Amino acid sequence: MTAETLRLDKFLWFARLVKHRSDAQAIAESRHLRIDGRVIDRAHATVKAGNVLSFPLHGRVRVIRVSVLPARRGPASEGRACYEDLSPEIDAGPPAQY
């Protein structure tokens, strides 16, 4: 693995998308995560800048584009700076009629 790539489970954990690295491993191994549309079944799949990840998390589908690979698990603000959120907007349903 080169400096331009990072293990999938480490990226999810470093970017603070999951609380524990074991949670990231479970998401990857459940076959519900995709990298650029390709189904992933292993936590050691590599991620690089520009990849688009899509996966279910906390009851909704998350779609993110990796912008930079983090060097460590830093504060939440540092983690959020590593990706761009492309997730679909949550539909609140039809507008209320009065």
PDB file of N, CA and C in Angstrom:
ATOM      1  N   MET A   1       0.861  -1.183   0.000  1.00  0.00           N
ATOM      2  CA  MET A   1       0.000   0.000   0.000  1.00  0.00           C
ATOM      3  C   MET A   1       0.902   1.240   0.000  1.00  0.00           C
ATOM      4  N   THR A   2       0.604   2.178  -0.861  1.00  0.00           N
ATOM      5  CA  THR A   2       1.418   3.387  -0.969  1.00  0.00           C
ATOM      6  C   THR A   2       0.793   4.518  -0.172  1.00  0.00           C
ATOM      7  N   ALA A   3       1.494   5.639  -0.143  1.00  0.00           N
ATOM      8  CA  ALA A   3       0.995   6.802   0.588  1.00  0.00           C
ATOM      9  C   ALA A   3      -0.237   7.402  -0.084  1.00  0.00           C
ATOM     10  N   GLU A   4      -0.474   7.046  -1.365  1.00  0.00           N
ATOM     11  CA  GLU A   4      -1.627   7.580  -2.085  1.00  0.00           C
ATOM     12  C   GLU A   4      -2.885   6.760  -1.829  1.00  0.00           C
ATOM     13  N   THR A   5      -2.764   5.658  -1.093  1.00  0.00           N
ATOM     14  CA  THR A   5      -3.917   4.820  -0.788  1.00  0.00           C
ATOM     15  C   THR A   5      -3.978   4.555   0.709  1.00  0.00           C
ATOM     16  N   LEU A   6      -5.148   4.125   1.155  1.00  0.00           N
ATOM     17  CA  LEU A   6      -5.376   3.829   2.566  1.00  0.00           C
ATOM     18  C   LEU A   6      -6.399   2.711   2.647  1.00  0.00           C
ATOM     19  N   ARG A   7      -6.267   1.856   3.642  1.00  0.00           N
ATOM     20  CA  ARG A   7      -7.257   0.797   3.838  1.00  0.00           C
ATOM     21  C   ARG A   7      -8.630   1.424   4.069  1.00  0.00           C
ATOM     22  N   LEU A   8      -9.653   0.794   3.540  1.00  0.00           N
ATOM     23  CA  LEU A   8     -11.027   1.281   3.663  1.00  0.00           C
ATOM     24  C   LEU A   8     -11.444   1.444   5.113  1.00  0.00           C
ATOM     25  N   ASP A   9     -11.206   0.434   5.950  1.00  0.00           N
ATOM     26  CA  ASP A   9     -11.625   0.522   7.344  1.00  0.00           C
ATOM     27  C   ASP A   9     -10.913   1.657   8.072  1.00  0.00           C
ATOM     28  N   LYS A  10      -9.637   1.870   7.763  1.00  0.00           N
ATOM     29  CA  LYS A  10      -8.904   2.973   8.398  1.00  0.00           C
ATOM     30  C   LYS A  10      -9.453   4.326   7.949  1.00  0.00           C
ATOM     31  N   PHE A  11      -9.785   4.442   6.648  1.00  0.00           N
ATOM     32  CA  PHE A  11     -10.326   5.709   6.169  1.00  0.00           C
ATOM     33  C   PHE A  11     -11.633   6.044   6.882  1.00  0.00           C
ATOM     34  N   LEU A  12     -12.560   5.090   6.947  1.00  0.00           N
ATOM     35  CA  LEU A  12     -13.849   5.344   7.603  1.00  0.00           C
ATOM     36  C   LEU A  12     -13.656   5.741   9.060  1.00  0.00           C
ATOM     37  N   TRP A  13     -12.697   5.127   9.721  1.00  0.00           N
ATOM     38  CA  TRP A  13     -12.432   5.428  11.128  1.00  0.00           C
ATOM     39  C   TRP A  13     -11.705   6.762  11.276  1.00  0.00           C
ATOM     40  N   PHE A  14     -10.661   6.998  10.470  1.00  0.00           N
ATOM     41  CA  PHE A  14      -9.922   8.264  10.531  1.00  0.00           C
ATOM     42  C   PHE A  14     -10.834   9.453  10.225  1.00  0.00           C
ATOM     43  N   ALA A  15     -11.734   9.296   9.244  1.00  0.00           N
ATOM     44  CA  ALA A  15     -12.622  10.387   8.842  1.00  0.00           C
ATOM     45  C   ALA A  15     -13.804  10.541   9.799  1.00  0.00           C
ATOM     46  N   ARG A  16     -13.845   9.709  10.827  1.00  0.00           N
ATOM     47  CA  ARG A  16     -14.869   9.753  11.876  1.00  0.00           C
ATOM     48  C   ARG A  16     -16.275   9.495  11.346  1.00  0.00           C
ATOM     49  N   LEU A  17     -16.376   8.649  10.321  1.00  0.00           N
ATOM     50  CA  LEU A  17     -17.682   8.234   9.834  1.00  0.00           C
ATOM     51  C   LEU A  17     -18.244   7.117  10.707  1.00  0.00           C
ATOM     52  N   VAL A  18     -17.366   6.382  11.374  1.00  0.00           N
ATOM     53  CA  VAL A  18     -17.758   5.348  12.331  1.00  0.00           C
ATOM     54  C   VAL A  18     -16.992   5.573  13.627  1.00  0.00           C
ATOM     55  N   LYS A  19     -17.550   5.070  14.710  1.00  0.00           N
ATOM     56  CA  LYS A  19     -16.949   5.300  16.021  1.00  0.00           C
ATOM     57  C   LYS A  19     -15.775   4.357  16.301  1.00  0.00           C
ATOM     58  N   HIS A  20     -15.885   3.115  15.825  1.00  0.00           N
ATOM     59  CA  HIS A  20     -14.858   2.115  16.077  1.00  0.00           C
ATOM     60  C   HIS A  20     -14.388   1.518  14.753  1.00  0.00           C
ATOM     61  N   ARG A  21     -13.123   1.140  14.719  1.00  0.00           N
ATOM     62  CA  ARG A  21     -12.595   0.539  13.499  1.00  0.00           C
ATOM     63  C   ARG A  21     -13.290  -0.787  13.196  1.00  0.00           C
ATOM     64  N   SER A  22     -13.695  -1.504  14.231  1.00  0.00           N
ATOM     65  CA  SER A  22     -14.411  -2.765  14.019  1.00  0.00           C
ATOM     66  C   SER A  22     -15.759  -2.519  13.335  1.00  0.00           C
ATOM     67  N   ASP A  23     -16.388  -1.359  13.590  1.00  0.00           N
ATOM     68  CA  ASP A  23     -17.627  -1.004  12.885  1.00  0.00           C
ATOM     69  C   ASP A  23     -17.351  -0.816  11.391  1.00  0.00           C
ATOM     70  N   ALA A  24     -16.228  -0.195  11.073  1.00  0.00           N
ATOM     71  CA  ALA A  24     -15.851   0.002   9.668  1.00  0.00           C
ATOM     72  C   ALA A  24     -15.597  -1.337   8.996  1.00  0.00           C
ATOM     73  N   GLN A  25     -14.957  -2.256   9.697  1.00  0.00           N
ATOM     74  CA  GLN A  25     -14.708  -3.583   9.146  1.00  0.00           C
ATOM     75  C   GLN A  25     -16.016  -4.310   8.884  1.00  0.00           C
ATOM     76  N   ALA A  26     -16.969  -4.187   9.807  1.00  0.00           N
ATOM     77  CA  ALA A  26     -18.274  -4.843   9.637  1.00  0.00           C
ATOM     78  C   ALA A  26     -19.032  -4.292   8.431  1.00  0.00           C
ATOM     79  N   ILE A  27     -18.989  -2.977   8.229  1.00  0.00           N
ATOM     80  CA  ILE A  27     -19.660  -2.363   7.075  1.00  0.00           C
ATOM     81  C   ILE A  27     -19.051  -2.892   5.783  1.00  0.00           C
ATOM     82  N   ALA A  28     -17.737  -2.949   5.731  1.00  0.00           N
ATOM     83  CA  ALA A  28     -17.053  -3.410   4.519  1.00  0.00           C
ATOM     84  C   ALA A  28     -17.360  -4.875   4.235  1.00  0.00           C
ATOM     85  N   GLU A  29     -17.338  -5.702   5.247  1.00  0.00           N
ATOM     86  CA  GLU A  29     -17.525  -7.136   5.058  1.00  0.00           C
ATOM     87  C   GLU A  29     -18.989  -7.533   4.856  1.00  0.00           C
ATOM     88  N   SER A  30     -19.918  -6.616   5.086  1.00  0.00           N
ATOM     89  CA  SER A  30     -21.342  -6.916   4.907  1.00  0.00           C
ATOM     90  C   SER A  30     -21.770  -6.855   3.438  1.00  0.00           C
ATOM     91  N   ARG A  31     -20.867  -6.433   2.546  1.00  0.00           N
ATOM     92  CA  ARG A  31     -21.124  -6.311   1.109  1.00  0.00           C
ATOM     93  C   ARG A  31     -22.161  -5.229   0.779  1.00  0.00           C
ATOM     94  N   HIS A  32     -22.328  -4.251   1.656  1.00  0.00           N
ATOM     95  CA  HIS A  32     -23.257  -3.151   1.392  1.00  0.00           C
ATOM     96  C   HIS A  32     -22.522  -1.882   0.999  1.00  0.00           C
ATOM     97  N   LEU A  33     -21.207  -1.915   0.976  1.00  0.00           N
ATOM     98  CA  LEU A  33     -20.418  -0.737   0.645  1.00  0.00           C
ATOM     99  C   LEU A  33     -19.907  -0.857  -0.785  1.00  0.00           C
ATOM    100  N   ARG A  34     -19.921   0.269  -1.487  1.00  0.00           N
ATOM    101  CA  ARG A  34     -19.418   0.303  -2.861  1.00  0.00           C
ATOM    102  C   ARG A  34     -18.363   1.396  -2.986  1.00  0.00           C
ATOM    103  N   ILE A  35     -17.327   1.080  -3.736  1.00  0.00           N
ATOM    104  CA  ILE A  35     -16.318   2.073  -4.103  1.00  0.00           C
ATOM    105  C   ILE A  35     -16.428   2.245  -5.612  1.00  0.00           C
ATOM    106  N   ASP A  36     -16.797   3.438  -6.035  1.00  0.00           N
ATOM    107  CA  ASP A  36     -16.993   3.744  -7.458  1.00  0.00           C
ATOM    108  C   ASP A  36     -17.928   2.730  -8.124  1.00  0.00           C
ATOM    109  N   GLY A  37     -18.978   2.323  -7.396  1.00  0.00           N
ATOM    110  CA  GLY A  37     -19.977   1.410  -7.932  1.00  0.00           C
ATOM    111  C   GLY A  37     -19.624  -0.064  -7.812  1.00  0.00           C
ATOM    112  N   ARG A  38     -18.429  -0.380  -7.359  1.00  0.00           N
ATOM    113  CA  ARG A  38     -17.967  -1.764  -7.225  1.00  0.00           C
ATOM    114  C   ARG A  38     -18.244  -2.254  -5.804  1.00  0.00           C
ATOM    115  N   VAL A  39     -18.927  -3.385  -5.668  1.00  0.00           N
ATOM    116  CA  VAL A  39     -19.253  -3.942  -4.351  1.00  0.00           C
ATOM    117  C   VAL A  39     -17.968  -4.392  -3.661  1.00  0.00           C
ATOM    118  N   ILE A  40     -17.835  -4.023  -2.396  1.00  0.00           N
ATOM    119  CA  ILE A  40     -16.651  -4.357  -1.606  1.00  0.00           C
ATOM    120  C   ILE A  40     -17.038  -5.369  -0.534  1.00  0.00           C
ATOM    121  N   ASP A  41     -16.185  -6.364  -0.340  1.00  0.00           N
ATOM    122  CA  ASP A  41     -16.469  -7.370   0.678  1.00  0.00           C
ATOM    123  C   ASP A  41     -15.310  -7.571   1.650  1.00  0.00           C
ATOM    124  N   ARG A  42     -14.368  -6.650   1.647  1.00  0.00           N
ATOM    125  CA  ARG A  42     -13.223  -6.789   2.541  1.00  0.00           C
ATOM    126  C   ARG A  42     -12.784  -5.437   3.078  1.00  0.00           C
ATOM    127  N   ALA A  43     -12.360  -5.421   4.326  1.00  0.00           N
ATOM    128  CA  ALA A  43     -11.967  -4.181   4.978  1.00  0.00           C
ATOM    129  C   ALA A  43     -10.629  -3.657   4.477  1.00  0.00           C
ATOM    130  N   HIS A  44      -9.820  -4.505   3.889  1.00  0.00           N
ATOM    131  CA  HIS A  44      -8.505  -4.068   3.435  1.00  0.00           C
ATOM    132  C   HIS A  44      -8.508  -3.558   1.986  1.00  0.00           C
ATOM    133  N   ALA A  45      -9.692  -3.330   1.420  1.00  0.00           N
ATOM    134  CA  ALA A  45      -9.768  -2.702   0.093  1.00  0.00           C
ATOM    135  C   ALA A  45      -9.134  -1.319   0.199  1.00  0.00           C
ATOM    136  N   THR A  46      -8.512  -0.870  -0.868  1.00  0.00           N
ATOM    137  CA  THR A  46      -7.827   0.421  -0.811  1.00  0.00           C
ATOM    138  C   THR A  46      -8.719   1.556  -1.297  1.00  0.00           C
ATOM    139  N   VAL A  47      -8.516   2.707  -0.684  1.00  0.00           N
ATOM    140  CA  VAL A  47      -9.243   3.929  -1.018  1.00  0.00           C
ATOM    141  C   VAL A  47      -8.209   4.968  -1.418  1.00  0.00           C
ATOM    142  N   LYS A  48      -8.530   5.774  -2.417  1.00  0.00           N
ATOM    143  CA  LYS A  48      -7.647   6.861  -2.812  1.00  0.00           C
ATOM    144  C   LYS A  48      -8.482   8.111  -3.041  1.00  0.00           C
ATOM    145  N   ALA A  49      -7.831   9.239  -3.098  1.00  0.00           N
ATOM    146  CA  ALA A  49      -8.529  10.504  -3.330  1.00  0.00           C
ATOM    147  C   ALA A  49      -9.265  10.432  -4.662  1.00  0.00           C
ATOM    148  N   GLY A  50     -10.512  10.881  -4.664  1.00  0.00           N
ATOM    149  CA  GLY A  50     -11.345  10.863  -5.858  1.00  0.00           C
ATOM    150  C   GLY A  50     -12.346   9.724  -5.877  1.00  0.00           C
ATOM    151  N   ASN A  51     -12.143   8.682  -5.051  1.00  0.00           N
ATOM    152  CA  ASN A  51     -13.102   7.581  -4.975  1.00  0.00           C
ATOM    153  C   ASN A  51     -14.426   8.058  -4.408  1.00  0.00           C
ATOM    154  N   VAL A  52     -15.519   7.466  -4.881  1.00  0.00           N
ATOM    155  CA  VAL A  52     -16.851   7.737  -4.342  1.00  0.00           C
ATOM    156  C   VAL A  52     -17.293   6.491  -3.589  1.00  0.00           C
ATOM    157  N   LEU A  53     -17.606   6.653  -2.308  1.00  0.00           N
ATOM    158  CA  LEU A  53     -18.059   5.552  -1.464  1.00  0.00           C
ATOM    159  C   LEU A  53     -19.544   5.716  -1.204  1.00  0.00           C
ATOM    160  N   SER A  54     -20.287   4.617  -1.266  1.00  0.00           N
ATOM    161  CA  SER A  54     -21.707   4.643  -0.904  1.00  0.00           C
ATOM    162  C   SER A  54     -21.974   3.453   0.003  1.00  0.00           C
ATOM    163  N   PHE A  55     -22.697   3.727   1.097  1.00  0.00           N
ATOM    164  CA  PHE A  55     -22.950   2.692   2.099  1.00  0.00           C
ATOM    165  C   PHE A  55     -24.071   3.140   3.025  1.00  0.00           C
ATOM    166  N   PRO A  56     -24.786   2.178   3.615  1.00  0.00           N
ATOM    167  CA  PRO A  56     -25.819   2.543   4.592  1.00  0.00           C
ATOM    168  C   PRO A  56     -25.170   2.842   5.935  1.00  0.00           C
ATOM    169  N   LEU A  57     -25.641   3.895   6.598  1.00  0.00           N
ATOM    170  CA  LEU A  57     -25.111   4.263   7.905  1.00  0.00           C
ATOM    171  C   LEU A  57     -26.188   5.025   8.665  1.00  0.00           C
ATOM    172  N   HIS A  58     -26.513   4.546   9.839  1.00  0.00           N
ATOM    173  CA  HIS A  58     -27.499   5.188  10.719  1.00  0.00           C
ATOM    174  C   HIS A  58     -28.849   5.400  10.031  1.00  0.00           C
ATOM    175  N   GLY A  59     -29.321   4.391   9.322  1.00  0.00           N
ATOM    176  CA  GLY A  59     -30.651   4.431   8.737  1.00  0.00           C
ATOM    177  C   GLY A  59     -30.789   5.202   7.444  1.00  0.00           C
ATOM    178  N   ARG A  60     -29.700   5.611   6.833  1.00  0.00           N
ATOM    179  CA  ARG A  60     -29.779   6.287   5.540  1.00  0.00           C
ATOM    180  C   ARG A  60     -28.560   5.928   4.707  1.00  0.00           C
ATOM    181  N   VAL A  61     -28.607   6.210   3.431  1.00  0.00           N
ATOM    182  CA  VAL A  61     -27.497   5.914   2.534  1.00  0.00           C
ATOM    183  C   VAL A  61     -26.560   7.117   2.509  1.00  0.00           C
ATOM    184  N   ARG A  62     -25.289   6.865   2.780  1.00  0.00           N
ATOM    185  CA  ARG A  62     -24.270   7.918   2.711  1.00  0.00           C
ATOM    186  C   ARG A  62     -23.509   7.763   1.411  1.00  0.00           C
ATOM    187  N   VAL A  63     -23.303   8.848   0.719  1.00  0.00           N
ATOM    188  CA  VAL A  63     -22.498   8.882  -0.492  1.00  0.00           C
ATOM    189  C   VAL A  63     -21.464   9.977  -0.282  1.00  0.00           C
ATOM    190  N   ILE A  64     -20.202   9.596  -0.325  1.00  0.00           N
ATOM    191  CA  ILE A  64     -19.140  10.577  -0.095  1.00  0.00           C
ATOM    192  C   ILE A  64     -18.060  10.445  -1.158  1.00  0.00           C
ATOM    193  N   ARG A  65     -17.420  11.560  -1.478  1.00  0.00           N
ATOM    194  CA  ARG A  65     -16.256  11.561  -2.373  1.00  0.00           C
ATOM    195  C   ARG A  65     -15.038  11.872  -1.519  1.00  0.00           C
ATOM    196  N   VAL A  66     -14.051  11.006  -1.588  1.00  0.00           N
ATOM    197  CA  VAL A  66     -12.816  11.176  -0.820  1.00  0.00           C
ATOM    198  C   VAL A  66     -12.034  12.318  -1.453  1.00  0.00           C
ATOM    199  N   SER A  67     -11.726  13.358  -0.668  1.00  0.00           N
ATOM    200  CA  SER A  67     -10.941  14.466  -1.207  1.00  0.00           C
ATOM    201  C   SER A  67      -9.464  14.333  -0.855  1.00  0.00           C
ATOM    202  N   VAL A  68      -9.159  14.001   0.378  1.00  0.00           N
ATOM    203  CA  VAL A  68      -7.776  13.755   0.802  1.00  0.00           C
ATOM    204  C   VAL A  68      -7.769  12.578   1.770  1.00  0.00           C
ATOM    205  N   LEU A  69      -6.634  11.912   1.833  1.00  0.00           N
ATOM    206  CA  LEU A  69      -6.494  10.802   2.774  1.00  0.00           C
ATOM    207  C   LEU A  69      -5.901  11.330   4.072  1.00  0.00           C
ATOM    208  N   PRO A  70      -6.580  11.079   5.188  1.00  0.00           N
ATOM    209  CA  PRO A  70      -6.068  11.564   6.471  1.00  0.00           C
ATOM    210  C   PRO A  70      -4.840  10.759   6.903  1.00  0.00           C
ATOM    211  N   ALA A  71      -3.954  11.402   7.632  1.00  0.00           N
ATOM    212  CA  ALA A  71      -2.758  10.731   8.137  1.00  0.00           C
ATOM    213  C   ALA A  71      -3.006  10.132   9.514  1.00  0.00           C
ATOM    214  N   ARG A  72      -4.060  10.603  10.177  1.00  0.00           N
ATOM    215  CA  ARG A  72      -4.351  10.142  11.536  1.00  0.00           C
ATOM    216  C   ARG A  72      -5.825  10.343  11.835  1.00  0.00           C
ATOM    217  N   ARG A  73      -6.267   9.830  12.970  1.00  0.00           N
ATOM    218  CA  ARG A  73      -7.627  10.070  13.439  1.00  0.00           C
ATOM    219  C   ARG A  73      -7.575  11.311  14.325  1.00  0.00           C
ATOM    220  N   GLY A  74      -7.859  12.432  13.746  1.00  0.00           N
ATOM    221  CA  GLY A  74      -7.808  13.696  14.465  1.00  0.00           C
ATOM    222  C   GLY A  74      -9.184  14.118  14.940  1.00  0.00           C
ATOM    223  N   PRO A  75      -9.354  15.401  15.217  1.00  0.00           N
ATOM    224  CA  PRO A  75     -10.663  15.902  15.637  1.00  0.00           C
ATOM    225  C   PRO A  75     -11.698  15.790  14.518  1.00  0.00           C
ATOM    226  N   ALA A  76     -12.962  15.900  14.881  1.00  0.00           N
ATOM    227  CA  ALA A  76     -14.054  15.727  13.922  1.00  0.00           C
ATOM    228  C   ALA A  76     -13.945  16.703  12.751  1.00  0.00           C
ATOM    229  N   SER A  77     -13.559  17.930  13.007  1.00  0.00           N
ATOM    230  CA  SER A  77     -13.438  18.918  11.928  1.00  0.00           C
ATOM    231  C   SER A  77     -12.377  18.486  10.913  1.00  0.00           C
ATOM    232  N   GLU A  78     -11.315  17.886  11.380  1.00  0.00           N
ATOM    233  CA  GLU A  78     -10.261  17.385  10.491  1.00  0.00           C
ATOM    234  C   GLU A  78     -10.777  16.200   9.669  1.00  0.00           C
ATOM    235  N   GLY A  79     -11.579  15.350  10.290  1.00  0.00           N
ATOM    236  CA  GLY A  79     -12.159  14.203   9.593  1.00  0.00           C
ATOM    237  C   GLY A  79     -13.126  14.623   8.502  1.00  0.00           C
ATOM    238  N   ARG A  80     -13.982  15.625   8.793  1.00  0.00           N
ATOM    239  CA  ARG A  80     -14.958  16.096   7.800  1.00  0.00           C
ATOM    240  C   ARG A  80     -14.282  16.754   6.603  1.00  0.00           C
ATOM    241  N   ALA A  81     -13.095  17.284   6.788  1.00  0.00           N
ATOM    242  CA  ALA A  81     -12.376  17.935   5.695  1.00  0.00           C
ATOM    243  C   ALA A  81     -11.806  16.926   4.697  1.00  0.00           C
ATOM    244  N   CYS A  82     -11.867  15.647   5.014  1.00  0.00           N
ATOM    245  CA  CYS A  82     -11.294  14.605   4.154  1.00  0.00           C
ATOM    246  C   CYS A  82     -12.255  14.114   3.080  1.00  0.00           C
ATOM    247  N   TYR A  83     -13.520  14.506   3.145  1.00  0.00           N
ATOM    248  CA  TYR A  83     -14.485  14.024   2.168  1.00  0.00           C
ATOM    249  C   TYR A  83     -15.545  15.081   1.894  1.00  0.00           C
ATOM    250  N   GLU A  84     -16.200  14.899   0.750  1.00  0.00           N
ATOM    251  CA  GLU A  84     -17.321  15.760   0.354  1.00  0.00           C
ATOM    252  C   GLU A  84     -18.575  14.900   0.418  1.00  0.00           C
ATOM    253  N   ASP A  85     -19.582  15.361   1.124  1.00  0.00           N
ATOM    254  CA  ASP A  85     -20.813  14.587   1.293  1.00  0.00           C
ATOM    255  C   ASP A  85     -21.717  14.796   0.078  1.00  0.00           C
ATOM    256  N   LEU A  86     -22.004  13.713  -0.630  1.00  0.00           N
ATOM    257  CA  LEU A  86     -22.873  13.750  -1.809  1.00  0.00           C
ATOM    258  C   LEU A  86     -24.197  13.053  -1.538  1.00  0.00           C
ATOM    259  N   SER A  87     -24.478  12.757  -0.272  1.00  0.00           N
ATOM    260  CA  SER A  87     -25.673  12.001   0.105  1.00  0.00           C
ATOM    261  C   SER A  87     -26.932  12.694  -0.374  1.00  0.00           C
ATOM    262  N   PRO A  88     -27.914  11.901  -0.804  1.00  0.00           N
ATOM    263  CA  PRO A  88     -29.184  12.503  -1.212  1.00  0.00           C
ATOM    264  C   PRO A  88     -29.858  13.170  -0.012  1.00  0.00           C
ATOM    265  N   GLU A  89     -30.567  14.218  -0.295  1.00  0.00           N
ATOM    266  CA  GLU A  89     -31.299  14.922   0.755  1.00  0.00           C
ATOM    267  C   GLU A  89     -32.350  14.008   1.363  1.00  0.00           C
ATOM    268  N   ILE A  90     -32.589  14.153   2.635  1.00  0.00           N
ATOM    269  CA  ILE A  90     -33.615  13.365   3.305  1.00  0.00           C
ATOM    270  C   ILE A  90     -34.975  13.970   2.963  1.00  0.00           C
ATOM    271  N   ASP A  91     -35.859  13.160   2.422  1.00  0.00           N
ATOM    272  CA  ASP A  91     -37.181  13.633   2.030  1.00  0.00           C
ATOM    273  C   ASP A  91     -38.069  13.694   3.260  1.00  0.00           C
ATOM    274  N   ALA A  92     -38.554  14.856   3.570  1.00  0.00           N
ATOM    275  CA  ALA A  92     -39.411  15.033   4.754  1.00  0.00           C
ATOM    276  C   ALA A  92     -40.857  14.684   4.463  1.00  0.00           C
ATOM    277  N   GLY A  93     -41.154  14.278   3.254  1.00  0.00           N
ATOM    278  CA  GLY A  93     -42.533  13.937   2.897  1.00  0.00           C
ATOM    279  C   GLY A  93     -43.217  15.117   2.234  1.00  0.00           C
ATOM    280  N   PRO A  94     -44.494  14.950   1.905  1.00  0.00           N
ATOM    281  CA  PRO A  94     -45.208  16.043   1.248  1.00  0.00           C
ATOM    282  C   PRO A  94     -45.438  17.211   2.224  1.00  0.00           C
ATOM    283  N   PRO A  95     -45.525  18.411   1.701  1.00  0.00           N
ATOM    284  CA  PRO A  95     -45.762  19.557   2.572  1.00  0.00           C
ATOM    285  C   PRO A  95     -47.127  19.458   3.243  1.00  0.00           C
ATOM    286  N   ALA A  96     -47.184  19.974   4.435  1.00  0.00           N
ATOM    287  CA  ALA A  96     -48.452  19.948   5.183  1.00  0.00           C
ATOM    288  C   ALA A  96     -49.459  20.898   4.531  1.00  0.00           C
ATOM    289  N   GLN A  97     -50.709  20.450   4.478  1.00  0.00           N
ATOM    290  CA  GLN A  97     -51.753  21.305   3.909  1.00  0.00           C
ATOM    291  C   GLN A  97     -52.635  21.797   5.038  1.00  0.00           C
ATOM    292  N   TYR A  98     -52.921  23.070   4.978  1.00  0.00           N
ATOM    293  CA  TYR A  98     -53.724  23.683   6.039  1.00  0.00           C
ATOM    294  C   TYR A  98     -55.120  23.986   5.552  1.00  0.00           C
TER     295      TYR A  98
END
